[in-house]
N, C-alpha and C. Protein backbone atom coordinates (compact mmCIF):
# COMPACT_ATOMS: atom_id res chain seq x y z
N MET A 1 -4.17 -1.70 8.15
CA MET A 1 -3.63 -0.62 7.35
C MET A 1 -2.14 -0.50 7.63
N PRO A 2 -1.31 -0.59 6.59
CA PRO A 2 0.13 -0.47 6.81
C PRO A 2 0.54 0.97 7.06
N ASP A 3 1.60 1.14 7.83
CA ASP A 3 2.17 2.47 7.99
C ASP A 3 2.89 2.84 6.71
N TYR A 4 2.81 4.10 6.31
CA TYR A 4 3.55 4.54 5.14
C TYR A 4 4.01 5.97 5.33
N THR A 5 5.06 6.31 4.59
CA THR A 5 5.61 7.65 4.59
C THR A 5 5.33 8.27 3.22
N ILE A 6 4.91 9.52 3.21
CA ILE A 6 4.64 10.21 1.96
C ILE A 6 5.95 10.78 1.42
N ALA A 7 6.23 10.47 0.14
CA ALA A 7 7.44 10.95 -0.51
C ALA A 7 7.08 11.42 -1.92
N ASP A 8 7.89 12.30 -2.46
CA ASP A 8 7.76 12.73 -3.86
C ASP A 8 6.35 13.15 -4.24
N GLN A 9 5.75 14.03 -3.47
CA GLN A 9 4.39 14.48 -3.74
C GLN A 9 4.41 15.73 -4.62
N GLU A 10 3.59 15.71 -5.67
CA GLU A 10 3.43 16.87 -6.54
C GLU A 10 1.94 17.07 -6.79
N GLU A 11 1.50 18.33 -6.73
CA GLU A 11 0.09 18.63 -6.97
C GLU A 11 -0.06 19.89 -7.80
N SER A 12 -1.06 19.87 -8.66
CA SER A 12 -1.52 21.08 -9.34
C SER A 12 -3.00 21.21 -9.04
N ASP A 13 -3.66 22.17 -9.64
CA ASP A 13 -5.10 22.32 -9.40
C ASP A 13 -5.88 21.10 -9.87
N ALA A 14 -5.43 20.46 -10.97
CA ALA A 14 -6.20 19.37 -11.56
C ALA A 14 -5.66 17.99 -11.30
N THR A 15 -4.34 17.87 -11.11
CA THR A 15 -3.74 16.54 -10.98
C THR A 15 -2.77 16.48 -9.82
N GLY A 16 -2.40 15.26 -9.48
CA GLY A 16 -1.42 15.06 -8.44
C GLY A 16 -0.77 13.70 -8.55
N SER A 17 0.36 13.56 -7.88
CA SER A 17 1.02 12.27 -7.80
C SER A 17 1.78 12.19 -6.49
N VAL A 18 1.91 10.97 -5.99
CA VAL A 18 2.60 10.77 -4.73
C VAL A 18 3.18 9.36 -4.71
N THR A 19 4.28 9.22 -4.00
CA THR A 19 4.86 7.92 -3.73
C THR A 19 4.71 7.66 -2.24
N LEU A 20 4.16 6.50 -1.89
CA LEU A 20 4.04 6.07 -0.50
C LEU A 20 5.08 5.00 -0.25
N VAL A 21 5.90 5.19 0.78
CA VAL A 21 6.95 4.23 1.12
C VAL A 21 6.49 3.43 2.33
N SER A 22 6.47 2.09 2.16
CA SER A 22 6.03 1.21 3.23
C SER A 22 6.85 -0.08 3.19
N PRO A 23 7.86 -0.19 4.05
CA PRO A 23 8.73 -1.37 4.04
C PRO A 23 7.93 -2.67 4.28
N ASN A 24 8.29 -3.71 3.57
CA ASN A 24 7.71 -5.06 3.73
C ASN A 24 6.22 -5.12 3.42
N VAL A 25 5.68 -4.16 2.70
CA VAL A 25 4.26 -4.13 2.41
C VAL A 25 3.89 -5.25 1.43
N THR A 26 2.72 -5.86 1.65
CA THR A 26 2.20 -6.86 0.73
C THR A 26 1.34 -6.16 -0.33
N VAL A 27 0.94 -6.88 -1.36
CA VAL A 27 0.08 -6.31 -2.39
C VAL A 27 -1.24 -5.84 -1.78
N ASP A 28 -1.87 -6.66 -0.94
CA ASP A 28 -3.14 -6.27 -0.31
C ASP A 28 -2.97 -5.03 0.56
N GLU A 29 -1.86 -4.95 1.29
CA GLU A 29 -1.60 -3.78 2.13
C GLU A 29 -1.33 -2.54 1.27
N ALA A 30 -0.67 -2.73 0.14
CA ALA A 30 -0.40 -1.60 -0.76
C ALA A 30 -1.71 -1.05 -1.32
N ILE A 31 -2.63 -1.93 -1.69
CA ILE A 31 -3.94 -1.50 -2.18
C ILE A 31 -4.68 -0.74 -1.07
N ALA A 32 -4.60 -1.24 0.17
CA ALA A 32 -5.24 -0.56 1.30
C ALA A 32 -4.62 0.82 1.52
N ALA A 33 -3.31 0.93 1.36
CA ALA A 33 -2.64 2.23 1.53
C ALA A 33 -3.08 3.21 0.44
N ILE A 34 -3.22 2.73 -0.78
CA ILE A 34 -3.70 3.57 -1.88
C ILE A 34 -5.10 4.08 -1.58
N ARG A 35 -5.98 3.19 -1.14
CA ARG A 35 -7.35 3.59 -0.82
C ARG A 35 -7.38 4.58 0.36
N ASP A 36 -6.53 4.34 1.34
CA ASP A 36 -6.46 5.24 2.49
C ASP A 36 -6.02 6.63 2.06
N TYR A 37 -4.97 6.70 1.28
CA TYR A 37 -4.48 8.00 0.82
C TYR A 37 -5.54 8.70 -0.04
N ALA A 38 -6.20 7.95 -0.90
CA ALA A 38 -7.18 8.52 -1.82
C ALA A 38 -8.35 9.19 -1.09
N GLU A 39 -8.67 8.71 0.10
CA GLU A 39 -9.77 9.30 0.87
C GLU A 39 -9.51 10.77 1.20
N GLY A 40 -8.25 11.17 1.22
CA GLY A 40 -7.91 12.55 1.56
C GLY A 40 -7.70 13.47 0.37
N ILE A 41 -7.87 12.96 -0.85
CA ILE A 41 -7.68 13.80 -2.04
C ILE A 41 -8.80 14.82 -2.09
N ASP A 42 -8.41 16.07 -2.27
CA ASP A 42 -9.41 17.15 -2.24
C ASP A 42 -9.12 18.16 -3.34
N GLY A 43 -9.97 18.17 -4.36
CA GLY A 43 -9.86 19.19 -5.38
C GLY A 43 -9.34 18.72 -6.72
N GLN A 44 -8.43 17.77 -6.73
CA GLN A 44 -7.88 17.31 -7.99
C GLN A 44 -8.88 16.44 -8.75
N LEU A 45 -8.64 16.30 -10.06
CA LEU A 45 -9.48 15.46 -10.90
C LEU A 45 -8.84 14.09 -11.14
N HIS A 46 -7.52 14.04 -11.08
CA HIS A 46 -6.78 12.80 -11.36
C HIS A 46 -5.56 12.76 -10.44
N TYR A 47 -5.25 11.56 -9.91
CA TYR A 47 -4.13 11.41 -8.98
C TYR A 47 -3.50 10.05 -9.20
N GLU A 48 -2.17 10.00 -9.28
CA GLU A 48 -1.45 8.73 -9.33
C GLU A 48 -0.80 8.49 -7.98
N ILE A 49 -1.05 7.31 -7.42
CA ILE A 49 -0.54 6.94 -6.10
C ILE A 49 0.29 5.67 -6.27
N THR A 50 1.57 5.77 -5.97
CA THR A 50 2.49 4.64 -6.14
C THR A 50 2.99 4.18 -4.78
N VAL A 51 3.00 2.87 -4.55
CA VAL A 51 3.50 2.31 -3.30
C VAL A 51 4.79 1.53 -3.59
N VAL A 52 5.85 1.87 -2.84
CA VAL A 52 7.13 1.18 -2.93
C VAL A 52 7.56 0.73 -1.54
N ARG A 53 8.51 -0.19 -1.50
CA ARG A 53 8.99 -0.67 -0.19
C ARG A 53 10.12 0.20 0.36
N SER A 54 10.86 0.86 -0.53
CA SER A 54 11.87 1.82 -0.09
C SER A 54 11.96 2.91 -1.15
N GLN A 55 12.40 4.08 -0.74
CA GLN A 55 12.42 5.22 -1.66
C GLN A 55 13.39 4.99 -2.81
N SER A 56 14.36 4.11 -2.63
CA SER A 56 15.33 3.84 -3.69
C SER A 56 14.86 2.74 -4.65
N ASP A 57 13.70 2.14 -4.38
CA ASP A 57 13.19 1.08 -5.26
C ASP A 57 12.84 1.63 -6.64
N SER A 58 13.26 0.90 -7.67
CA SER A 58 12.87 1.29 -9.03
C SER A 58 11.58 0.58 -9.44
N GLU A 59 11.21 -0.47 -8.71
CA GLU A 59 9.98 -1.20 -9.00
C GLU A 59 8.94 -0.88 -7.92
N TYR A 60 7.70 -0.77 -8.34
CA TYR A 60 6.64 -0.46 -7.39
C TYR A 60 5.87 -1.73 -7.02
N VAL A 61 5.25 -1.70 -5.84
CA VAL A 61 4.41 -2.81 -5.39
C VAL A 61 3.05 -2.69 -6.06
N CYS A 62 2.46 -1.50 -5.98
CA CYS A 62 1.18 -1.20 -6.64
C CYS A 62 1.15 0.26 -7.03
N ARG A 63 0.39 0.53 -8.07
CA ARG A 63 0.15 1.91 -8.50
C ARG A 63 -1.35 2.06 -8.68
N GLY A 64 -1.89 3.13 -8.15
CA GLY A 64 -3.31 3.40 -8.30
C GLY A 64 -3.55 4.68 -9.08
N LYS A 65 -4.51 4.63 -9.98
CA LYS A 65 -4.95 5.83 -10.69
C LYS A 65 -6.33 6.18 -10.16
N TRP A 66 -6.39 7.29 -9.45
CA TRP A 66 -7.65 7.78 -8.87
C TRP A 66 -8.20 8.85 -9.79
N VAL A 67 -9.48 8.76 -10.11
CA VAL A 67 -10.13 9.79 -10.90
C VAL A 67 -11.42 10.21 -10.22
N LYS A 68 -11.70 11.51 -10.30
CA LYS A 68 -12.85 12.08 -9.60
C LYS A 68 -14.18 11.65 -10.21
N ASP A 69 -14.24 11.63 -11.55
CA ASP A 69 -15.50 11.30 -12.22
C ASP A 69 -15.24 10.79 -13.63
N GLU A 70 -16.31 10.47 -14.33
CA GLU A 70 -16.17 9.87 -15.66
C GLU A 70 -15.49 10.81 -16.65
N LYS A 71 -15.81 12.09 -16.57
CA LYS A 71 -15.17 13.06 -17.47
C LYS A 71 -13.67 13.12 -17.22
N ALA A 72 -13.26 13.14 -15.95
CA ALA A 72 -11.83 13.15 -15.61
C ALA A 72 -11.16 11.87 -16.09
N ALA A 73 -11.87 10.75 -16.03
CA ALA A 73 -11.32 9.48 -16.50
C ALA A 73 -11.03 9.54 -18.00
N GLU A 74 -11.90 10.18 -18.74
CA GLU A 74 -11.70 10.31 -20.19
C GLU A 74 -10.53 11.24 -20.50
N ILE A 75 -10.44 12.35 -19.76
CA ILE A 75 -9.40 13.35 -20.04
C ILE A 75 -8.02 12.87 -19.57
N TYR A 76 -7.93 12.39 -18.33
CA TYR A 76 -6.63 12.09 -17.73
C TYR A 76 -6.26 10.61 -17.77
N GLY A 77 -7.24 9.76 -17.90
CA GLY A 77 -6.95 8.33 -17.86
C GLY A 77 -7.15 7.63 -19.18
N SER A 78 -7.31 8.40 -20.25
CA SER A 78 -7.51 7.83 -21.59
C SER A 78 -8.66 6.83 -21.60
N GLY A 79 -9.62 7.01 -20.70
CA GLY A 79 -10.77 6.13 -20.64
C GLY A 79 -10.48 4.77 -20.04
N GLN A 80 -9.27 4.59 -19.46
CA GLN A 80 -8.89 3.29 -18.90
C GLN A 80 -9.60 2.98 -17.59
N VAL A 81 -9.94 4.01 -16.82
CA VAL A 81 -10.63 3.80 -15.55
C VAL A 81 -12.13 3.80 -15.82
N VAL A 82 -12.77 2.66 -15.57
CA VAL A 82 -14.19 2.51 -15.80
C VAL A 82 -14.83 2.09 -14.48
N SER A 83 -15.94 2.75 -14.14
CA SER A 83 -16.58 2.44 -12.87
C SER A 83 -18.06 2.81 -12.91
N ASP A 84 -18.82 2.18 -12.04
CA ASP A 84 -20.23 2.54 -11.86
C ASP A 84 -20.39 3.62 -10.80
N THR A 85 -19.36 3.80 -9.96
CA THR A 85 -19.40 4.81 -8.91
C THR A 85 -18.13 5.65 -8.97
N TRP A 86 -18.25 6.90 -8.56
CA TRP A 86 -17.11 7.83 -8.61
C TRP A 86 -16.97 8.53 -7.28
N PRO A 87 -15.77 8.92 -6.86
CA PRO A 87 -14.50 8.69 -7.55
C PRO A 87 -14.16 7.20 -7.61
N ALA A 88 -13.20 6.87 -8.49
CA ALA A 88 -12.83 5.48 -8.69
C ALA A 88 -11.31 5.35 -8.70
N ILE A 89 -10.84 4.14 -8.37
CA ILE A 89 -9.40 3.86 -8.39
C ILE A 89 -9.16 2.61 -9.21
N ASP A 90 -8.23 2.70 -10.15
CA ASP A 90 -7.77 1.55 -10.93
C ASP A 90 -6.38 1.20 -10.42
N THR A 91 -6.18 -0.02 -9.94
CA THR A 91 -4.87 -0.39 -9.40
C THR A 91 -4.15 -1.37 -10.32
N ASP A 92 -2.83 -1.23 -10.32
CA ASP A 92 -1.96 -2.12 -11.08
C ASP A 92 -0.88 -2.61 -10.11
N CYS A 93 -0.87 -3.93 -9.89
CA CYS A 93 0.10 -4.53 -8.96
C CYS A 93 0.81 -5.67 -9.69
N PRO A 94 2.03 -5.45 -10.17
CA PRO A 94 2.72 -6.46 -10.98
C PRO A 94 2.85 -7.83 -10.32
N ASP A 95 2.94 -7.88 -8.99
CA ASP A 95 3.14 -9.17 -8.30
C ASP A 95 1.85 -9.90 -7.95
N SER A 96 0.71 -9.35 -8.37
CA SER A 96 -0.55 -10.00 -7.99
C SER A 96 -1.05 -10.92 -9.07
């Protein structure tokens, strides 16, 4: 599990977003960081988790869309997150 710093976190009752900063992180480590952070989500229906190597980076290593259940996936994820088990995470990693 890579070390990361939490930056740019915003939360409401239903949604949230956060940027995780982890220097020299690989794609696999970024996915692990997303999953690690997602384990602590409590209460929201949809969460975007972005991993970057530095806070000034304009490009991300990976981005994860976490949804609590199928209904939340339809409302907040435009039905893009599909899973047999919930909550679920859909990851997008441009370098993979």
